Amino acid sequence: MNEFGVYVHVPFCAHRCDYCAFATYADRDDLMGDYVEAVRAELASYADATPAATSVFFGGGTPSRLSAEQLLSILDAIPRVEGAEVTVECNPEDATVERLAAYRAGGVNRMSFGVQSTQPAVLADLGRRHGVMAHEAVARAVTDAGFETWNMDLIIGSRAETIDDVAATLGDIVNLETPPPHISCYALTAEPATPLGRDPGRHPDEDATADAYDLVAATLEGAGYQWEEISNWAKAGHECRHNHLYWNQGDYLGVGSAAHSHRDGHRWWNVRTPDRYIAMLREGRRPLGGEEYLDETTRRFERESLALRTTTGVALEAFESLDEIAHLVRLRDGVVTLAPAGRLLANQVIVRLKDAR
């Protein structure tokens, strides 16, 4: 079966976190009803041109800002193969059993929760508003709602976070009665236009972040999680199908404001703001923000770049030499993969691919 994904962007948030540079808005909840109808209209415009989805991912923003009924009305408009993976990102404070059970009954079979940390000083520095016990509440609710596969997101690199805080967060999560079978851990980035980015004193320390990442990798892999991509670990059988579609340079349709799509080397994206997105669809116009066509060299470079971030790796022939990066990679049976020490320095490996020139 050929994999095909659908990504649905939900741009609404109750509060914008200090590190967030995504196309999200905390002041436009009044647009939700119109936005849902616009997304359904965009999906209808693609009805005869796209295959049934093997995976669907609701991201944002905060998809759980929509009511369960609104979100499921979008899902109902997406043709899917039997057994398709359907993931919804959810804020911990929205994770009631009632909401999750409604998702489950409506066809959602995978959840993702932005826990980020269990330590109060770290949550405060990140601008997160859920409590320090959110991981426990989320684990109970998602289990009670009947989900077998779900994810928790973590963030490392806050200036307020010590290595002991990282260890405590990891311990809190892997020692849950029902721990998440998939964990993502992202290194904090100081994006220029964010409150974090505008305050140099809060920018992450690279050495401290590297130490934290090493601890995350050792702890998760010691707890039975398999590393699958720089920021992702999963128990066997709980890998995110939609993630792998991206990593394999697959085809996907993005709907909603600022959403990106890819089909056979043609990449396009929608206009950024929900206001403009809604207006264009009401006028019967395609909400196109831009597009590009990738030549074969660019596609190959992107394919190799993505593969290098995963356990798949790339053929040795993709490099002219490994001399300058030997300490960052492993070579086995003619395949180059990142060594643990090279995961946070992946760009130094990627720029030495032949096609990077």
Protein backbone atom coordinates (compact mmCIF):
# COMPACT_ATOMS: atom_id res chain seq x y z
CA MET A 1 0.00 0.00 0.00
CA ASN A 2 1.29 3.46 -0.90
CA GLU A 3 1.38 5.73 2.12
CA PHE A 4 -0.47 9.03 1.90
CA GLY A 5 -0.93 11.45 4.78
CA VAL A 6 -3.24 14.34 5.59
CA TYR A 7 -2.12 17.07 7.97
CA VAL A 8 -4.75 19.40 9.46
CA HIS A 9 -3.45 22.64 10.94
CA VAL A 10 -5.47 24.12 13.80
CA PRO A 11 -4.08 27.61 14.50
CA PHE A 12 -5.87 28.40 17.76
CA CYS A 13 -4.26 28.51 21.22
CA ALA A 14 -5.43 29.57 24.67
CA HIS A 15 -1.99 31.05 25.30
CA ARG A 16 1.11 31.43 23.17
CA CYS A 17 4.20 29.85 24.74
CA ASP A 18 7.37 31.95 24.97
CA TYR A 19 9.28 29.73 22.52
CA CYS A 20 6.56 29.29 19.90
CA ALA A 21 7.16 30.55 16.36
CA PHE A 22 4.39 28.53 14.70
CA ALA A 23 1.44 30.03 12.83
CA THR A 24 -0.81 30.11 15.90
CA TYR A 25 -3.06 32.71 17.48
CA ALA A 26 -4.43 33.21 20.99
CA ASP A 27 -6.92 35.94 20.04
CA ARG A 28 -9.02 34.44 17.23
CA ASP A 29 -11.23 31.81 18.85
CA ASP A 30 -14.23 33.60 17.34
CA LEU A 31 -13.13 32.23 13.96
CA MET A 32 -13.33 28.56 14.97
CA GLY A 33 -16.70 27.75 13.43
CA ASP A 34 -15.88 29.48 10.16
CA TYR A 35 -12.44 27.89 10.12
CA VAL A 36 -13.85 24.37 10.44
CA GLU A 37 -16.17 25.01 7.50
CA ALA A 38 -13.27 26.42 5.47
CA VAL A 39 -11.14 23.33 6.13
CA ARG A 40 -14.02 21.08 5.08
CA ALA A 41 -14.39 23.15 1.92
CA GLU A 42 -10.69 22.83 1.14
CA LEU A 43 -10.86 19.07 1.66
CA ALA A 44 -13.83 18.88 -0.70
CA SER A 45 -11.82 20.70 -3.37
CA TYR A 46 -9.26 17.88 -3.31
CA ALA A 47 -11.78 15.04 -3.21
CA ASP A 48 -11.12 13.80 -6.76
CA ALA A 49 -7.36 14.36 -6.72
CA THR A 50 -6.07 12.61 -3.62
CA PRO A 51 -6.02 8.98 -2.46
CA ALA A 52 -7.47 7.77 0.81
CA ALA A 53 -5.23 8.65 3.74
CA THR A 54 -3.16 6.04 5.53
CA SER A 55 -2.46 8.57 8.31
CA VAL A 56 -4.04 11.79 9.53
CA PHE A 57 -2.42 14.24 11.94
CA PHE A 58 -4.15 17.17 13.65
CA GLY A 59 -1.46 19.64 14.74
CA GLY A 60 -1.15 23.29 15.57
CA GLY A 61 -1.58 25.40 17.44
CA THR A 62 -3.84 23.42 19.70
CA PRO A 63 -6.30 21.07 18.00
CA SER A 64 -8.00 20.47 21.35
CA ARG A 65 -9.12 24.15 21.34
CA LEU A 66 -11.80 22.99 18.91
CA SER A 67 -14.72 21.12 20.41
CA ALA A 68 -14.60 17.37 19.87
CA GLU A 69 -17.58 17.72 17.53
CA GLN A 70 -15.80 20.35 15.40
CA LEU A 71 -12.62 18.33 15.14
CA LEU A 72 -14.46 15.13 14.28
CA SER A 73 -16.48 16.92 11.60
CA ILE A 74 -13.16 17.63 9.86
CA LEU A 75 -12.02 14.04 10.32
CA ASP A 76 -15.29 12.80 8.82
CA ALA A 77 -14.47 14.77 5.65
CA ILE A 78 -11.16 12.94 5.14
CA PRO A 79 -11.34 9.65 3.18
CA ARG A 80 -9.20 7.07 5.00
CA VAL A 81 -8.14 3.49 4.44
CA GLU A 82 -9.24 0.92 6.96
CA GLY A 83 -6.89 1.00 9.93
CA ALA A 84 -5.53 4.46 9.15
CA GLU A 85 -3.56 6.10 11.94
CA VAL A 86 -5.31 9.24 13.24
CA THR A 87 -3.38 11.43 15.70
CA VAL A 88 -4.57 14.50 17.60
CA GLU A 89 -2.27 16.84 19.50
CA CYS A 90 -3.81 17.84 22.82
CA ASN A 91 -2.86 20.19 25.63
CA PRO A 92 -2.62 18.37 28.98
CA GLU A 93 -5.25 20.68 30.50
CA ASP A 94 -7.74 19.63 27.78
CA ALA A 95 -7.22 15.90 28.35
CA THR A 96 -10.50 14.97 30.01
CA VAL A 97 -11.72 11.40 29.73
CA GLU A 98 -14.92 12.73 28.12
CA ARG A 99 -13.05 14.56 25.37
CA LEU A 100 -10.65 11.68 24.71
CA ALA A 101 -13.47 9.14 24.68
CA ALA A 102 -15.31 11.27 22.11
CA TYR A 103 -12.20 11.35 19.95
CA ARG A 104 -11.83 7.60 20.25
CA ALA A 105 -15.45 6.95 19.33
CA GLY A 106 -15.08 9.28 16.34
CA GLY A 107 -12.11 7.47 14.80
CA VAL A 108 -9.03 8.95 16.50
CA ASN A 109 -6.64 6.16 17.56
CA ARG A 110 -3.49 8.01 18.65
CA MET A 111 -2.94 11.02 20.94
CA SER A 112 0.01 13.34 21.51
CA PHE A 113 0.38 15.51 24.62
CA GLY A 114 2.72 18.48 25.06
CA VAL A 115 3.87 17.83 28.63
CA GLN A 116 7.38 19.34 28.05
CA SER A 117 8.53 18.91 31.69
CA THR A 118 7.27 17.94 35.12
CA GLN A 119 9.35 20.56 36.94
CA PRO A 120 7.63 23.83 37.98
CA ALA A 121 10.53 26.20 37.27
CA VAL A 122 10.98 24.75 33.80
CA LEU A 123 7.28 24.95 32.96
CA ALA A 124 7.22 28.57 34.13
CA ASP A 125 10.25 29.46 32.00
CA LEU A 126 8.68 27.85 28.93
CA GLY A 127 5.42 29.71 29.52
CA ARG A 128 3.47 26.49 29.97
CA ARG A 129 0.35 26.67 32.13
CA HIS A 130 -0.44 23.08 33.00
CA GLY A 131 0.49 21.76 36.44
CA VAL A 132 3.43 19.60 37.44
CA MET A 133 1.21 16.52 37.82
CA ALA A 134 -0.19 16.78 34.31
CA HIS A 135 1.73 13.69 33.17
CA GLU A 136 -0.15 11.55 35.68
CA ALA A 137 -3.55 13.00 34.80
CA VAL A 138 -2.88 12.56 31.08
CA ALA A 139 -1.74 8.95 31.49
CA ARG A 140 -4.87 8.06 33.47
CA ALA A 141 -7.24 9.83 31.09
CA VAL A 142 -5.79 8.45 27.85
CA THR A 143 -5.73 4.93 29.29
CA ASP A 144 -9.28 5.19 30.62
CA ALA A 145 -10.43 6.42 27.21
CA GLY A 146 -9.06 3.24 25.61
CA PHE A 147 -6.01 4.50 23.68
CA GLU A 148 -3.21 1.98 23.27
CA THR A 149 -0.81 4.21 21.31
CA TRP A 150 0.02 7.73 22.41
CA ASN A 151 2.88 10.16 22.79
CA MET A 152 4.31 12.68 25.22
CA ASP A 153 6.41 15.62 24.02
CA LEU A 154 9.32 16.88 26.13
CA ILE A 155 11.53 19.95 25.68
CA ILE A 156 15.10 20.28 26.94
CA GLY A 157 17.33 23.34 26.98
CA SER A 158 15.54 25.83 29.21
CA ARG A 159 17.95 27.99 31.21
CA ALA A 160 15.78 27.21 34.23
CA GLU A 161 16.41 23.48 33.82
CA THR A 162 19.22 21.59 35.53
CA ILE A 163 20.40 18.12 34.63
CA ASP A 164 18.66 16.93 37.79
CA ASP A 165 15.41 18.43 36.48
CA VAL A 166 15.82 16.45 33.27
CA ALA A 167 16.42 13.26 35.24
CA ALA A 168 13.39 13.95 37.44
CA THR A 169 11.11 14.53 34.43
CA LEU A 170 12.30 11.35 32.75
CA GLY A 171 11.82 9.38 35.95
CA ASP A 172 8.32 10.76 36.41
CA ILE A 173 7.33 9.68 32.92
CA VAL A 174 8.97 6.29 32.44
CA ASN A 175 7.83 5.22 35.93
CA LEU A 176 4.17 5.97 35.32
CA GLU A 177 1.86 3.02 35.88
CA THR A 178 1.07 3.30 32.16
CA PRO A 179 3.97 5.16 30.55
CA PRO A 180 3.61 6.58 27.05
CA PRO A 181 4.72 4.08 24.39
CA HIS A 182 6.16 6.93 22.29
CA ILE A 183 8.20 9.90 23.54
CA SER A 184 9.42 12.91 21.57
CA CYS A 185 12.12 15.16 23.02
CA TYR A 186 13.01 18.41 21.31
CA ALA A 187 15.89 20.77 21.96
CA LEU A 188 14.63 24.27 22.72
CA THR A 189 15.35 26.78 19.96
CA ALA A 190 15.44 30.56 20.47
CA GLU A 191 13.40 31.70 17.45
CA PRO A 192 14.05 35.41 16.72
CA ALA A 193 10.49 36.74 16.91
CA THR A 194 9.53 35.02 20.17
CA PRO A 195 9.84 36.31 23.77
CA LEU A 196 12.52 33.68 24.30
CA GLY A 197 14.40 34.73 21.19
CA ARG A 198 14.36 38.39 22.19
CA ASP A 199 16.02 37.68 25.54
CA PRO A 200 19.63 36.49 25.06
CA GLY A 201 19.89 35.66 28.74
CA ARG A 202 17.30 32.93 28.26
CA HIS A 203 18.86 31.35 25.17
CA PRO A 204 19.73 27.66 25.62
CA ASP A 205 23.31 26.69 26.43
CA GLU A 206 24.49 24.24 23.75
CA ASP A 207 26.70 22.19 26.08
CA ALA A 208 23.99 21.88 28.72
CA THR A 209 21.46 20.88 26.07
CA ALA A 210 23.85 18.23 24.72
CA ASP A 211 24.31 16.80 28.21
CA ALA A 212 20.55 16.74 28.70
CA TYR A 213 20.04 15.01 25.35
CA ASP A 214 22.60 12.35 26.22
CA LEU A 215 20.72 11.67 29.45
CA VAL A 216 17.40 11.46 27.60
CA ALA A 217 18.79 8.97 25.09
CA ALA A 218 20.45 6.79 27.73
CA THR A 219 17.37 6.80 29.98
CA LEU A 220 14.81 6.06 27.29
CA GLU A 221 16.87 3.42 25.54
CA GLY A 222 17.56 1.84 28.93
CA ALA A 223 13.81 1.77 29.56
CA GLY A 224 13.08 -0.17 26.37
CA TYR A 225 12.41 2.65 23.93
CA GLN A 226 14.00 2.35 20.50
CA TRP A 227 15.59 5.44 19.01
CA GLU A 228 14.05 6.09 15.59
CA GLU A 229 14.82 9.73 14.76
CA ILE A 230 16.83 12.51 16.39
CA SER A 231 13.93 13.59 18.60
CA ASN A 232 11.83 10.41 18.76
CA TRP A 233 11.84 7.15 20.69
CA ALA A 234 9.16 4.45 20.65
CA LYS A 235 8.37 1.06 22.10
CA ALA A 236 8.20 -1.64 19.44
CA GLY A 237 5.00 -1.38 17.42
CA HIS A 238 4.22 2.16 18.57
CA GLU A 239 6.12 4.18 15.97
CA CYS A 240 4.20 7.14 14.52
CA ARG A 241 3.20 6.17 10.98
CA HIS A 242 2.66 9.80 9.98
CA ASN A 243 6.14 10.82 11.15
CA HIS A 244 7.69 8.09 9.03
CA LEU A 245 5.78 9.37 6.00
CA TYR A 246 7.59 12.71 6.37
CA TRP A 247 10.96 11.09 7.06
CA ASN A 248 10.58 8.91 3.96
CA GLN A 249 9.82 11.96 1.76
CA GLY A 250 6.33 10.65 1.15
CA ASP A 251 3.28 12.42 -0.25
CA TYR A 252 0.85 14.29 1.95
CA LEU A 253 -1.86 16.93 1.80
CA GLY A 254 -1.86 19.80 4.27
CA VAL A 255 -5.15 21.60 4.90
CA GLY A 256 -5.78 24.70 6.99
CA SER A 257 -3.92 27.99 7.21
CA ALA A 258 -0.12 27.72 6.81
CA ALA A 259 -0.33 23.98 6.07
CA HIS A 260 2.24 22.46 3.69
CA SER A 261 1.73 19.70 1.11
CA HIS A 262 3.97 17.49 -1.06
CA ARG A 263 3.25 15.37 -4.13
CA ASP A 264 6.01 13.90 -6.30
CA GLY A 265 8.45 16.77 -5.82
CA HIS A 266 5.80 19.50 -5.98
CA ARG A 267 5.60 21.35 -2.68
CA TRP A 268 3.01 24.02 -1.85
CA TRP A 269 1.67 25.82 1.20
CA ASN A 270 -1.40 27.76 2.22
CA VAL A 271 -1.68 31.39 3.27
CA ARG A 272 -0.55 31.92 6.86
CA THR A 273 -3.41 33.66 8.69
CA PRO A 274 -6.77 31.99 9.40
CA ASP A 275 -8.64 35.20 8.52
CA ARG A 276 -7.26 35.28 4.98
CA TYR A 277 -7.61 31.51 4.61
CA ILE A 278 -11.30 31.63 5.49
CA ALA A 279 -11.93 34.62 3.20
CA MET A 280 -10.28 33.00 0.18
CA LEU A 281 -12.25 29.77 0.52
CA ARG A 282 -15.50 31.69 0.94
CA GLU A 283 -14.70 33.40 -2.35
CA GLY A 284 -14.13 30.03 -4.00
CA ARG A 285 -10.40 30.67 -4.33
CA ARG A 286 -7.59 28.27 -3.61
CA PRO A 287 -5.77 29.47 -0.44
CA LEU A 288 -2.34 29.08 -2.03
CA GLY A 289 0.48 30.95 -0.33
CA GLY A 290 3.31 29.64 -2.50
CA GLU A 291 4.75 26.61 -4.25
CA GLU A 292 7.94 25.11 -5.64
CA TYR A 293 9.02 22.20 -7.83
CA LEU A 294 12.07 20.28 -6.69
CA ASP A 295 14.62 18.99 -9.20
CA GLU A 296 16.01 15.49 -8.78
CA THR A 297 19.23 16.63 -7.10
CA THR A 298 17.30 18.62 -4.51
CA ARG A 299 14.91 15.74 -3.90
CA ARG A 300 17.80 13.34 -3.44
CA PHE A 301 19.55 15.70 -1.01
CA GLU A 302 16.39 16.16 1.03
CA ARG A 303 15.75 12.40 1.00
CA GLU A 304 19.27 11.70 2.25
CA SER A 305 19.08 14.50 4.83
CA LEU A 306 15.90 13.07 6.27
CA ALA A 307 17.22 9.50 6.24
CA LEU A 308 20.35 10.56 8.09
CA ARG A 309 18.19 11.77 10.97
CA THR A 310 16.76 8.27 11.38
CA THR A 311 17.96 4.71 11.90
CA THR A 312 17.73 4.18 8.13
CA GLY A 313 20.89 6.15 7.32
CA VAL A 314 22.32 6.59 3.83
CA ALA A 315 24.69 4.70 1.58
CA LEU A 316 28.39 5.40 2.02
CA GLU A 317 28.49 6.51 -1.62
CA ALA A 318 26.46 9.60 -0.68
CA PHE A 319 29.65 11.03 0.85
CA GLU A 320 32.98 11.79 -0.75
CA SER A 321 34.71 11.21 2.59
CA LEU A 322 33.88 10.56 6.23
CA ASP A 323 37.24 11.76 7.51
CA GLU A 324 36.01 15.01 9.04
CA ILE A 325 32.89 13.47 10.58
CA ALA A 326 34.12 10.01 11.60
CA HIS A 327 33.43 10.80 15.28
CA LEU A 328 29.80 11.68 14.51
CA VAL A 329 28.77 8.65 12.46
CA ARG A 330 28.76 4.88 12.35
CA LEU A 331 29.49 2.81 9.25
CA ARG A 332 28.09 -0.68 8.95
CA ASP A 333 27.56 -2.78 5.82
CA GLY A 334 28.04 0.28 3.63
CA VAL A 335 25.40 2.36 5.45
CA VAL A 336 26.18 5.55 7.37
CA THR A 337 24.08 6.40 10.42
CA LEU A 338 24.50 8.96 13.16
CA ALA A 339 26.42 7.95 16.26
CA PRO A 340 24.78 9.10 19.52
CA ALA A 341 27.35 11.91 19.69
CA GLY A 342 26.29 13.06 16.23
CA ARG A 343 22.54 13.32 16.72
CA LEU A 344 22.50 16.94 17.89
CA LEU A 345 25.21 17.75 15.33
CA ALA A 346 23.39 16.20 12.39
CA ASN A 347 23.75 19.33 10.28
CA GLN A 348 27.52 18.95 10.35
CA VAL A 349 27.05 15.53 8.75
CA ILE A 350 24.34 16.61 6.32
CA VAL A 351 26.40 19.45 4.81
CA ARG A 352 29.03 16.87 3.81
CA LEU A 353 26.68 14.95 1.57
CA LYS A 354 27.72 15.14 -2.06
CA ASP A 355 24.40 16.69 -3.04
CA ALA A 356 24.76 19.45 -0.46
CA ARG A 357 27.08 21.31 -2.84
